[in-house]
Amino acid sequence: EEESSAPPSVVVVGETKRGKSSLINTLLRRGRIAPVDVDIATATYLVFRYAATPFAKAHLQQQPEPEGISLDELETWATVNGNPGNHRQVGWVEVGIDVPLLRYLTLIDTPGVGGLDAGHAAFTLRALGEADALLFVVDSSAPLSQPELDFLRQASESIDTVMIVLTKTDLYRGWARIEHDDRLLLEMHARRFSRTPIV
């Protein structure tokens, strides 16, 4: 019997503090497996795939073989405020968990892509070359920023399937106006995405 092909990969992208990791935790229904504290930021990729037996591996830049780590150590290996000796060397962290959704797709949590660290945007754009879909996370506090619009324009050269997620609608009563303004901004500055679903 032939081995089935790998599930499609969905790259989750957004500026820092937009609710990206919280969204992933909600989709995976595994508590806080993706770090979400307000004082930390994801510094490298977290790749979530299906595994009957849970595991985590840190793929280091200077080592051919990944290093096995515990799921409890994800924050240390994947965030800026983690162990300073580790996060500078980590290329990406692979996490295998028994979650039904991951039988059908692989979720990739990326570093924030905005002005705080422009290198993250370039890093993420390279990853999109291997992705099947982009889940772009924006929040309800303000309309799309210039870095977000710039990123979407650049991303359109690498990927066809895009969905936009508007987070924090429970925190901002004017979220519907923000959604409307986002539509106008997309029409003016990133026209290809003017009819992209916003959920």
Foldseek 3Di string as FASTA:
>chain_A
DDDDDAAAAEEEAAAPPLCRQVVVCVVQVPPNLDDDDPVKWFLEKEKEAADDDKWKWFDFQPDPDTHTDDSVCCCQQTIPPHDVVRVVGTHYMYIHYHGVVRVRYMYMYFTGCDPVDVVSLVVVLVVLLRGAEYEYGGEQPAADDPSRLVSLQSSVVRYDHYAYEYPPCVPDVCSVVNVVVNLVCCVVRVVVCNPHHYD
